[in-house]
């Protein structure tokens, strides 16, 4: 089982990034996929979720209107499009897959928003 995040990097305030999380080793379409992030000295927080049934989405208030989560079942990949980035979005972003009591995590990708 693998979740491999990519797409992080350094971006100026107001810029955009698209994170990808490529999944393998499990039935991707059965899992609810979530992006979390963790900033230095802070707890990990949920950023966005897309459910396995119906593809409903949920966003943290801090990113609502700026971030968009989507998935591609044919590619076993979940994306996080991040627009209008702010310095407070700086964190390590993690991909999570959850189905019943099963949880998988990626290794994380660093996003730094700075001028």
C-alpha atoms as a PDB file:
ATOM      1  CA  UNK A   1       0.000   0.000   0.000  1.00  0.00           C
ATOM      2  CA  UNK A   2       1.339   3.406  -0.966  1.00  0.00           C
ATOM      3  CA  UNK A   3       0.197   7.001  -0.952  1.00  0.00           C
ATOM      4  CA  UNK A   4       2.709   9.264  -2.651  1.00  0.00           C
ATOM      5  CA  UNK A   5       2.215  13.012  -2.482  1.00  0.00           C
ATOM      6  CA  UNK A   6       3.814  15.431  -4.914  1.00  0.00           C
ATOM      7  CA  UNK A   7       3.491  18.999  -6.105  1.00  0.00           C
ATOM      8  CA  UNK A   8       4.671  20.883  -3.051  1.00  0.00           C
ATOM      9  CA  UNK A   9       7.214  23.657  -3.168  1.00  0.00           C
ATOM     10  CA  UNK A  10       7.903  27.325  -2.571  1.00  0.00           C
ATOM     11  CA  UNK A  11       5.356  29.833  -3.850  1.00  0.00           C
ATOM     12  CA  UNK A  12       4.749  33.530  -3.333  1.00  0.00           C
ATOM     13  CA  UNK A  13       1.657  34.788  -1.517  1.00  0.00           C
ATOM     14  CA  UNK A  14      -1.277  34.841  -3.899  1.00  0.00           C
ATOM     15  CA  UNK A  15       0.167  32.029  -5.968  1.00  0.00           C
ATOM     16  CA  UNK A  16      -1.154  28.551  -6.714  1.00  0.00           C
ATOM     17  CA  UNK A  17      -0.039  24.963  -6.361  1.00  0.00           C
ATOM     18  CA  UNK A  18      -1.644  21.638  -7.160  1.00  0.00           C
ATOM     19  CA  UNK A  19      -0.855  18.714  -4.924  1.00  0.00           C
ATOM     20  CA  UNK A  20      -1.290  15.141  -6.112  1.00  0.00           C
ATOM     21  CA  UNK A  21      -1.590  11.935  -4.130  1.00  0.00           C
ATOM     22  CA  UNK A  22      -1.114   8.748  -6.110  1.00  0.00           C
ATOM     23  CA  UNK A  23      -2.508   5.623  -4.477  1.00  0.00           C
ATOM     24  CA  UNK A  24      -1.611   1.996  -5.049  1.00  0.00           C
ATOM     25  CA  UNK A  25      -2.132  -1.326  -3.377  1.00  0.00           C
ATOM     26  CA  UNK A  26      -5.768  -0.905  -2.374  1.00  0.00           C
ATOM     27  CA  UNK A  27      -9.170  -0.291  -3.959  1.00  0.00           C
ATOM     28  CA  UNK A  28      -9.009   3.477  -4.259  1.00  0.00           C
ATOM     29  CA  UNK A  29     -12.683   4.042  -5.058  1.00  0.00           C
ATOM     30  CA  UNK A  30     -13.778   2.554  -1.721  1.00  0.00           C
ATOM     31  CA  UNK A  31     -11.861   5.070   0.341  1.00  0.00           C
ATOM     32  CA  UNK A  32     -12.669   8.528   1.588  1.00  0.00           C
ATOM     33  CA  UNK A  33      -9.688  10.703   0.751  1.00  0.00           C
ATOM     34  CA  UNK A  34      -8.554  13.593   2.905  1.00  0.00           C
ATOM     35  CA  UNK A  35      -5.792  16.165   2.829  1.00  0.00           C
ATOM     36  CA  UNK A  36      -4.350  17.190   6.182  1.00  0.00           C
ATOM     37  CA  UNK A  37      -1.604  19.642   6.987  1.00  0.00           C
ATOM     38  CA  UNK A  38       0.737  20.262   9.872  1.00  0.00           C
ATOM     39  CA  UNK A  39       2.609  23.503  10.451  1.00  0.00           C
ATOM     40  CA  UNK A  40       5.661  23.677  12.729  1.00  0.00           C
ATOM     41  CA  UNK A  41       4.620  23.607  16.373  1.00  0.00           C
ATOM     42  CA  UNK A  42       0.976  22.982  15.535  1.00  0.00           C
ATOM     43  CA  UNK A  43      -1.300  19.967  15.488  1.00  0.00           C
ATOM     44  CA  UNK A  44      -2.235  18.252  12.269  1.00  0.00           C
ATOM     45  CA  UNK A  45      -5.468  19.677  10.889  1.00  0.00           C
ATOM     46  CA  UNK A  46      -7.957  18.543   8.285  1.00  0.00           C
ATOM     47  CA  UNK A  47      -7.893  20.626   5.127  1.00  0.00           C
ATOM     48  CA  UNK A  48     -10.312  18.951   2.719  1.00  0.00           C
ATOM     49  CA  UNK A  49     -12.177  15.666   2.286  1.00  0.00           C
ATOM     50  CA  UNK A  50     -13.866  13.935  -0.614  1.00  0.00           C
ATOM     51  CA  UNK A  51     -16.131  11.038   0.257  1.00  0.00           C
ATOM     52  CA  UNK A  52     -16.077   7.641  -1.380  1.00  0.00           C
ATOM     53  CA  UNK A  53     -19.828   7.661  -1.951  1.00  0.00           C
ATOM     54  CA  UNK A  54     -21.156  10.495  -4.040  1.00  0.00           C
ATOM     55  CA  UNK A  55     -17.950  12.465  -4.028  1.00  0.00           C
ATOM     56  CA  UNK A  56     -19.174  15.010  -1.480  1.00  0.00           C
ATOM     57  CA  UNK A  57     -16.554  17.496  -0.383  1.00  0.00           C
ATOM     58  CA  UNK A  58     -15.799  19.261   2.870  1.00  0.00           C
ATOM     59  CA  UNK A  59     -13.343  22.068   3.552  1.00  0.00           C
ATOM     60  CA  UNK A  60     -11.864  23.684   6.593  1.00  0.00           C
ATOM     61  CA  UNK A  61     -13.105  27.244   6.978  1.00  0.00           C
ATOM     62  CA  UNK A  62      -9.576  28.547   6.558  1.00  0.00           C
ATOM     63  CA  UNK A  63      -9.325  27.228   2.985  1.00  0.00           C
ATOM     64  CA  UNK A  64     -12.930  27.396   1.810  1.00  0.00           C
ATOM     65  CA  UNK A  65     -13.204  29.210  -1.500  1.00  0.00           C
ATOM     66  CA  UNK A  66      -9.468  28.913  -2.181  1.00  0.00           C
ATOM     67  CA  UNK A  67      -8.775  25.159  -2.238  1.00  0.00           C
ATOM     68  CA  UNK A  68     -10.491  22.448  -4.266  1.00  0.00           C
ATOM     69  CA  UNK A  69     -10.226  18.703  -3.696  1.00  0.00           C
ATOM     70  CA  UNK A  70     -10.940  16.281  -6.513  1.00  0.00           C
ATOM     71  CA  UNK A  71     -10.194  12.707  -7.436  1.00  0.00           C
ATOM     72  CA  UNK A  72      -9.610  10.642 -10.525  1.00  0.00           C
ATOM     73  CA  UNK A  73     -10.597   7.032  -9.910  1.00  0.00           C
ATOM     74  CA  UNK A  74      -9.137   5.974 -13.244  1.00  0.00           C
ATOM     75  CA  UNK A  75      -5.717   7.255 -12.138  1.00  0.00           C
ATOM     76  CA  UNK A  76      -6.144   6.369  -8.425  1.00  0.00           C
ATOM     77  CA  UNK A  77      -5.178   9.925  -7.621  1.00  0.00           C
ATOM     78  CA  UNK A  78      -6.572  12.680  -5.437  1.00  0.00           C
ATOM     79  CA  UNK A  79      -5.690  16.318  -6.016  1.00  0.00           C
ATOM     80  CA  UNK A  80      -5.691  19.498  -3.991  1.00  0.00           C
ATOM     81  CA  UNK A  81      -5.778  22.666  -6.057  1.00  0.00           C
ATOM     82  CA  UNK A  82      -4.623  25.537  -3.874  1.00  0.00           C
ATOM     83  CA  UNK A  83      -5.187  29.106  -5.040  1.00  0.00           C
ATOM     84  CA  UNK A  84      -4.645  32.492  -3.398  1.00  0.00           C
ATOM     85  CA  UNK A  85      -2.088  30.958  -1.094  1.00  0.00           C
ATOM     86  CA  UNK A  86      -1.221  32.725   2.141  1.00  0.00           C
ATOM     87  CA  UNK A  87       1.841  32.468   4.397  1.00  0.00           C
ATOM     88  CA  UNK A  88      -0.347  30.721   6.975  1.00  0.00           C
ATOM     89  CA  UNK A  89      -0.878  27.884   4.480  1.00  0.00           C
ATOM     90  CA  UNK A  90       2.760  26.911   4.983  1.00  0.00           C
ATOM     91  CA  UNK A  91       2.854  23.334   6.261  1.00  0.00           C
ATOM     92  CA  UNK A  92       3.572  19.749   5.399  1.00  0.00           C
ATOM     93  CA  UNK A  93       0.547  18.403   3.542  1.00  0.00           C
ATOM     94  CA  UNK A  94      -0.430  14.768   4.012  1.00  0.00           C
ATOM     95  CA  UNK A  95      -2.758  12.543   2.066  1.00  0.00           C
ATOM     96  CA  UNK A  96      -5.001  10.126   3.979  1.00  0.00           C
ATOM     97  CA  UNK A  97      -7.171   7.256   2.788  1.00  0.00           C
ATOM     98  CA  UNK A  98      -9.836   5.894   5.127  1.00  0.00           C
ATOM     99  CA  UNK A  99     -12.304   3.031   4.836  1.00  0.00           C
ATOM    100  CA  UNK A 100     -14.078   1.759   7.956  1.00  0.00           C
ATOM    101  CA  UNK A 101     -11.227   1.133  10.419  1.00  0.00           C
ATOM    102  CA  UNK A 102      -8.442   1.173   7.852  1.00  0.00           C
ATOM    103  CA  UNK A 103      -6.233   4.241   7.575  1.00  0.00           C
ATOM    104  CA  UNK A 104      -3.355   4.894   5.187  1.00  0.00           C
ATOM    105  CA  UNK A 105      -1.041   7.922   5.187  1.00  0.00           C
ATOM    106  CA  UNK A 106       1.422   9.373   2.752  1.00  0.00           C
ATOM    107  CA  UNK A 107       4.822  10.727   3.676  1.00  0.00           C
ATOM    108  CA  UNK A 108       3.858  14.368   3.170  1.00  0.00           C
ATOM    109  CA  UNK A 109       4.908  17.181   0.871  1.00  0.00           C
ATOM    110  CA  UNK A 110       6.169  20.577   2.007  1.00  0.00           C
ATOM    111  CA  UNK A 111       4.333  23.714   0.954  1.00  0.00           C
ATOM    112  CA  UNK A 112       6.004  27.022   1.752  1.00  0.00           C
ATOM    113  CA  UNK A 113       4.288  30.319   1.013  1.00  0.00           C
ATOM    114  CA  UNK A 114       6.723  33.177   1.274  1.00  0.00           C
ATOM    115  CA  UNK A 115       7.918  36.232  -0.590  1.00  0.00           C
END
